Protein backbone atom coordinates (compact mmCIF):
# COMPACT_ATOMS: atom_id res chain seq x y z
CA UNK A 1 -2.56 -4.37 -10.74
CA UNK A 2 -3.05 -7.75 -12.35
CA UNK A 3 -6.15 -8.99 -14.18
CA UNK A 4 -6.91 -12.56 -13.13
CA UNK A 5 -10.35 -13.37 -14.51
CA UNK A 6 -9.09 -13.94 -18.07
CA UNK A 7 -6.66 -16.61 -16.85
CA UNK A 8 -9.40 -18.63 -15.15
CA UNK A 9 -12.43 -18.52 -17.51
CA UNK A 10 -14.19 -21.69 -16.31
CA UNK A 11 -13.92 -20.68 -12.65
CA UNK A 12 -15.04 -17.12 -13.37
CA UNK A 13 -18.00 -18.30 -15.47
CA UNK A 14 -19.14 -20.76 -12.81
CA UNK A 15 -18.96 -18.23 -9.99
CA UNK A 16 -20.83 -15.67 -12.11
CA UNK A 17 -23.66 -18.11 -12.84
CA UNK A 18 -26.89 -17.40 -10.97
CA UNK A 19 -27.65 -21.12 -10.72
CA UNK A 20 -24.71 -22.01 -8.46
CA UNK A 21 -25.11 -22.38 -4.69
CA UNK A 22 -26.16 -19.23 -2.85
CA UNK A 23 -23.46 -19.94 -0.28
CA UNK A 24 -20.67 -20.04 -2.87
CA UNK A 25 -18.30 -17.11 -3.23
CA UNK A 26 -18.28 -14.87 -6.29
CA UNK A 27 -14.99 -14.36 -8.15
CA UNK A 28 -13.92 -11.13 -6.41
CA UNK A 29 -14.81 -12.55 -3.00
CA UNK A 30 -12.78 -15.63 -3.88
CA UNK A 31 -9.71 -13.47 -4.55
CA UNK A 32 -9.89 -11.97 -1.07
CA UNK A 33 -10.67 -15.33 0.49
CA UNK A 34 -7.68 -17.05 -1.13
CA UNK A 35 -5.39 -14.21 -0.06
CA UNK A 36 -6.50 -14.72 3.56
CA UNK A 37 -6.04 -18.49 3.32
CA UNK A 38 -2.61 -18.16 1.69
CA UNK A 39 -1.49 -15.74 4.39
CA UNK A 40 -2.49 -17.98 7.30
CA UNK A 41 0.00 -20.07 9.22
CA UNK A 42 -1.65 -23.42 8.52
CA UNK A 43 -1.80 -25.02 5.07
CA UNK A 44 -5.37 -25.76 4.03
CA UNK A 45 -6.16 -29.10 2.41
CA UNK A 46 -7.47 -28.84 -1.17
CA UNK A 47 -10.66 -30.78 -0.34
CA UNK A 48 -11.46 -28.39 2.52
CA UNK A 49 -10.83 -25.43 0.23
CA UNK A 50 -13.11 -26.65 -2.56
CA UNK A 51 -15.82 -27.59 -0.06
CA UNK A 52 -15.85 -24.08 1.39
CA UNK A 53 -15.60 -22.22 -1.93
CA UNK A 54 -18.26 -24.17 -3.79
CA UNK A 55 -20.43 -25.18 -0.84
CA UNK A 56 -20.58 -28.68 -2.41
CA UNK A 57 -22.33 -27.25 -5.47
CA UNK A 58 -20.09 -28.95 -8.05
CA UNK A 59 -21.18 -32.34 -9.43
CA UNK A 60 -18.60 -35.02 -8.60
CA UNK A 61 -16.81 -36.53 -11.57
CA UNK A 62 -18.11 -33.97 -14.06
CA UNK A 63 -15.47 -32.88 -16.62
CA UNK A 64 -16.38 -29.21 -16.34
CA UNK A 65 -16.23 -29.48 -12.55
CA UNK A 66 -12.71 -30.87 -12.85
CA UNK A 67 -11.69 -27.87 -14.99
CA UNK A 68 -13.18 -25.48 -12.45
CA UNK A 69 -11.41 -27.15 -9.52
CA UNK A 70 -8.12 -27.19 -11.44
CA UNK A 71 -8.44 -23.44 -12.08
CA UNK A 72 -9.28 -22.81 -8.42
CA UNK A 73 -6.14 -24.60 -7.29
CA UNK A 74 -4.00 -22.79 -9.88
CA UNK A 75 -5.43 -19.43 -8.73
CA UNK A 76 -4.69 -20.43 -5.14
CA UNK A 77 -1.08 -21.20 -6.09
CA UNK A 78 -0.74 -17.88 -7.95
CA UNK A 79 -1.92 -15.88 -4.94
CA UNK A 80 0.17 -18.04 -2.62
CA UNK A 81 3.28 -17.14 -4.62
CA UNK A 82 2.53 -13.44 -4.14
CA UNK A 83 2.11 -13.98 -0.41
CA UNK A 84 5.33 -15.99 -0.07
CA UNK A 85 7.26 -13.30 -1.90
CA UNK A 86 5.47 -10.47 -0.03
CA UNK A 87 4.55 -8.72 -3.27
CA UNK A 88 0.78 -8.76 -2.87
CA UNK A 89 -1.37 -6.33 -4.80
CA UNK A 90 -5.07 -5.99 -5.43
CA UNK A 91 -6.17 -7.62 -8.69
CA UNK A 92 -7.48 -5.25 -11.33
CA UNK A 93 -10.98 -6.66 -10.84
CA UNK A 94 -10.89 -5.22 -7.32
CA UNK A 95 -9.29 -1.85 -8.08
CA UNK A 96 -10.70 0.97 -5.92
CA UNK A 97 -13.19 3.37 -7.46
CA UNK A 98 -12.22 7.07 -7.60
CA UNK A 99 -15.16 8.05 -5.38
CA UNK A 100 -13.87 6.60 -2.12
CA UNK A 101 -17.28 6.02 -0.49
CA UNK A 102 -18.54 4.16 -3.57
CA UNK A 103 -16.11 1.39 -2.56
CA UNK A 104 -18.56 0.57 0.23
CA UNK A 105 -21.10 -0.56 -2.38
CA UNK A 106 -21.41 -4.34 -1.77
CA UNK A 107 -21.28 -4.93 -5.55
CA UNK A 108 -17.98 -3.04 -5.90
CA UNK A 109 -14.90 -5.19 -6.61
CA UNK A 110 -12.97 -3.84 -3.61
CA UNK A 111 -15.93 -4.40 -1.29
CA UNK A 112 -16.34 -7.94 -2.57
CA UNK A 113 -12.61 -8.59 -2.06
CA UNK A 114 -12.90 -7.38 1.54
CA UNK A 115 -15.97 -9.57 2.09
CA UNK A 116 -14.03 -12.61 0.90
CA UNK A 117 -10.98 -11.70 2.95
CA UNK A 118 -13.15 -11.39 6.04
CA UNK A 119 -14.69 -14.82 5.37
CA UNK A 120 -11.23 -16.35 4.91
CA UNK A 121 -9.82 -14.88 8.11
CA UNK A 122 -12.93 -15.87 10.07
CA UNK A 123 -12.67 -19.42 8.70
CA UNK A 124 -9.14 -19.71 10.13
CA UNK A 125 -9.61 -17.40 13.11
CA UNK A 126 -8.87 -20.07 15.73
CA UNK A 127 -5.48 -20.79 14.12
CA UNK A 128 -4.65 -17.07 13.97
CA UNK A 129 -5.63 -16.55 17.60
CA UNK A 130 -3.55 -19.52 18.74
CA UNK A 131 -0.53 -18.38 16.72
CA UNK A 132 -0.53 -14.82 18.05
CA UNK A 133 -1.20 -16.02 21.59
CA UNK A 134 1.78 -18.39 21.38
CA UNK A 135 3.98 -15.50 20.32
CA UNK A 136 3.04 -13.42 23.40
CA UNK A 137 3.87 -10.33 21.37
CA UNK A 138 1.64 -7.32 22.06
CA UNK A 139 3.03 -5.40 19.12
CA UNK A 140 2.39 -8.33 16.79
CA UNK A 141 -1.19 -8.46 18.05
CA UNK A 142 -1.54 -4.74 17.39
CA UNK A 143 -0.02 -5.09 13.93
CA UNK A 144 -2.46 -7.87 13.01
CA UNK A 145 -5.41 -5.89 14.35
CA UNK A 146 -4.34 -2.90 12.31
CA UNK A 147 -4.16 -4.92 9.12
CA UNK A 148 -7.56 -6.47 9.82
CA UNK A 149 -9.21 -3.08 10.30
CA UNK A 150 -7.88 -1.76 7.00
CA UNK A 151 -8.52 -4.89 4.94
CA UNK A 152 -12.05 -5.37 6.30
CA UNK A 153 -13.04 -1.69 6.21
CA UNK A 154 -14.69 -1.81 2.79
CA UNK A 155 -16.59 -5.07 3.34
CA UNK A 156 -19.78 -3.08 3.93
CA UNK A 157 -20.94 0.35 4.93
CA UNK A 158 -21.97 -1.05 8.30
CA UNK A 159 -18.43 -2.34 8.96
CA UNK A 160 -16.92 0.97 7.83
CA UNK A 161 -19.23 3.00 10.04
CA UNK A 162 -18.53 0.76 13.05
CA UNK A 163 -14.76 1.13 12.59
CA UNK A 164 -15.15 4.85 11.97
CA UNK A 165 -17.02 5.19 15.25
CA UNK A 166 -14.47 3.06 17.12
CA UNK A 167 -11.48 5.05 15.89
CA UNK A 168 -13.06 8.49 15.86
CA UNK A 169 -11.00 10.87 17.98
CA UNK A 170 -11.83 14.04 16.07
CA UNK A 171 -14.36 15.46 13.63
CA UNK A 172 -13.07 13.63 10.55
CA UNK A 173 -15.82 12.45 8.23
CA UNK A 174 -16.43 8.87 7.15
CA UNK A 175 -15.19 9.85 3.68
CA UNK A 176 -11.90 11.15 5.10
CA UNK A 177 -11.39 8.03 7.16
CA UNK A 178 -12.19 5.83 4.16
CA UNK A 179 -9.56 7.72 2.17
CA UNK A 180 -7.05 7.08 4.96
CA UNK A 181 -7.88 3.37 4.99
CA UNK A 182 -7.53 3.22 1.22
CA UNK A 183 -4.08 4.81 1.39
CA UNK A 184 -3.02 2.21 3.96
CA UNK A 185 -4.37 -0.73 1.96
CA UNK A 186 -1.23 -1.67 -0.04
CA UNK A 187 0.98 -1.80 3.04
CA UNK A 188 -1.67 -3.65 5.07
CA UNK A 189 -1.89 -6.29 2.31
CA UNK A 190 1.78 -7.13 2.58
CA UNK A 191 2.01 -6.70 6.35
CA UNK A 192 -0.80 -9.23 6.94
CA UNK A 193 0.87 -11.71 4.59
CA UNK A 194 4.22 -11.10 6.26
CA UNK A 195 2.81 -11.79 9.73
CA UNK A 196 1.17 -15.04 8.60
CA UNK A 197 4.21 -16.34 6.77
CA UNK A 198 6.44 -15.42 9.70
CA UNK A 199 4.21 -17.34 12.10
CA UNK A 200 4.28 -20.31 9.71
CA UNK A 201 8.07 -20.25 9.97
CA UNK A 202 7.90 -20.44 13.75
CA UNK A 203 7.58 -16.75 14.46
CA UNK A 204 11.26 -16.04 13.91
CA UNK A 205 11.14 -14.83 10.32
CA UNK A 206 8.59 -12.02 10.37
CA UNK A 207 10.10 -9.37 8.15
CA UNK A 208 9.68 -6.11 10.01
CA UNK A 209 10.17 -4.24 6.75
CA UNK A 210 6.39 -4.42 6.35
CA UNK A 211 5.68 -3.17 9.87
CA UNK A 212 2.21 -1.69 9.97
CA UNK A 213 3.30 1.33 11.95
CA UNK A 214 3.07 5.11 11.66
CA UNK A 215 6.80 5.68 11.38
CA UNK A 216 6.90 3.71 8.12
CA UNK A 217 3.47 4.51 6.74
CA UNK A 218 1.93 7.71 8.02
CA UNK A 219 4.76 10.05 9.05
CA UNK A 220 4.21 9.48 12.77
CA UNK A 221 0.49 10.18 12.45
CA UNK A 222 -1.90 7.74 14.10
CA UNK A 223 -3.43 5.23 11.65
CA UNK A 224 -6.93 6.05 12.99
CA UNK A 225 -6.72 9.28 10.99
CA UNK A 226 -7.03 11.64 13.95
CA UNK A 227 -4.05 13.67 12.79
CA UNK A 228 -2.44 13.30 16.22
CA UNK A 229 0.86 11.59 16.94
CA UNK A 230 0.46 7.83 17.33
CA UNK A 231 2.07 7.68 20.80
CA UNK A 232 -0.33 10.35 22.10
CA UNK A 233 -3.41 8.83 20.47
CA UNK A 234 -4.51 5.22 20.10
CA UNK A 235 -1.19 3.68 21.19
CA UNK A 236 -1.66 5.23 24.63
CA UNK A 237 -5.26 3.96 24.74
CA UNK A 238 -4.27 0.47 23.64
CA UNK A 239 -6.68 0.60 20.72
CA UNK A 240 -6.41 -1.68 17.72
CA UNK A 241 -6.52 -0.15 14.24
């Protein structure tokens, strides 16, 4: 896992300052947000990006503001390179805690990353929906839904409990399901990026090597964590993981 905060000190300091806009993202949320934006089909204009991230809280023309914006754009490019190369990993600031349920703490780095990712996907949701609809690919839709469930799971305890309830087909505990989601996280990171970059290329270059599917990730077990075979579980019910 990489440590990014030290490379972007002005950006980190600004986002950690209590005086900045309440609507602005914190640093860990920003990491998840930029990953979602980099993975989307459409390229986002720099002015739109800075407007969303800072909620217009930066003074125009200020030298320090220019440094902060420059670091934001460099961080965006760094994450974009990971996405393009499909070698995405969680930054060290967002590394999971050993106690799996403690990752649902909204102040935890992983939870903050998921919050930011969720905000980034929601911001570009119309473009995602249009892209997947144009593909008319049910499996692609299922793959994207699976990635979303895993990557958003730790955004809050409420989100985790709602997904746990939706996918519950046995007596597994929330802790067990959270552990399953955590184990799927690395593959979901790269699968989501792969889907977005493939759609950006016209839908013909989605690398199925990152297929979010039980045969490549969970030894034919359903991703919902039921312990049952995928084909006999949520695949037959048409559920999205």
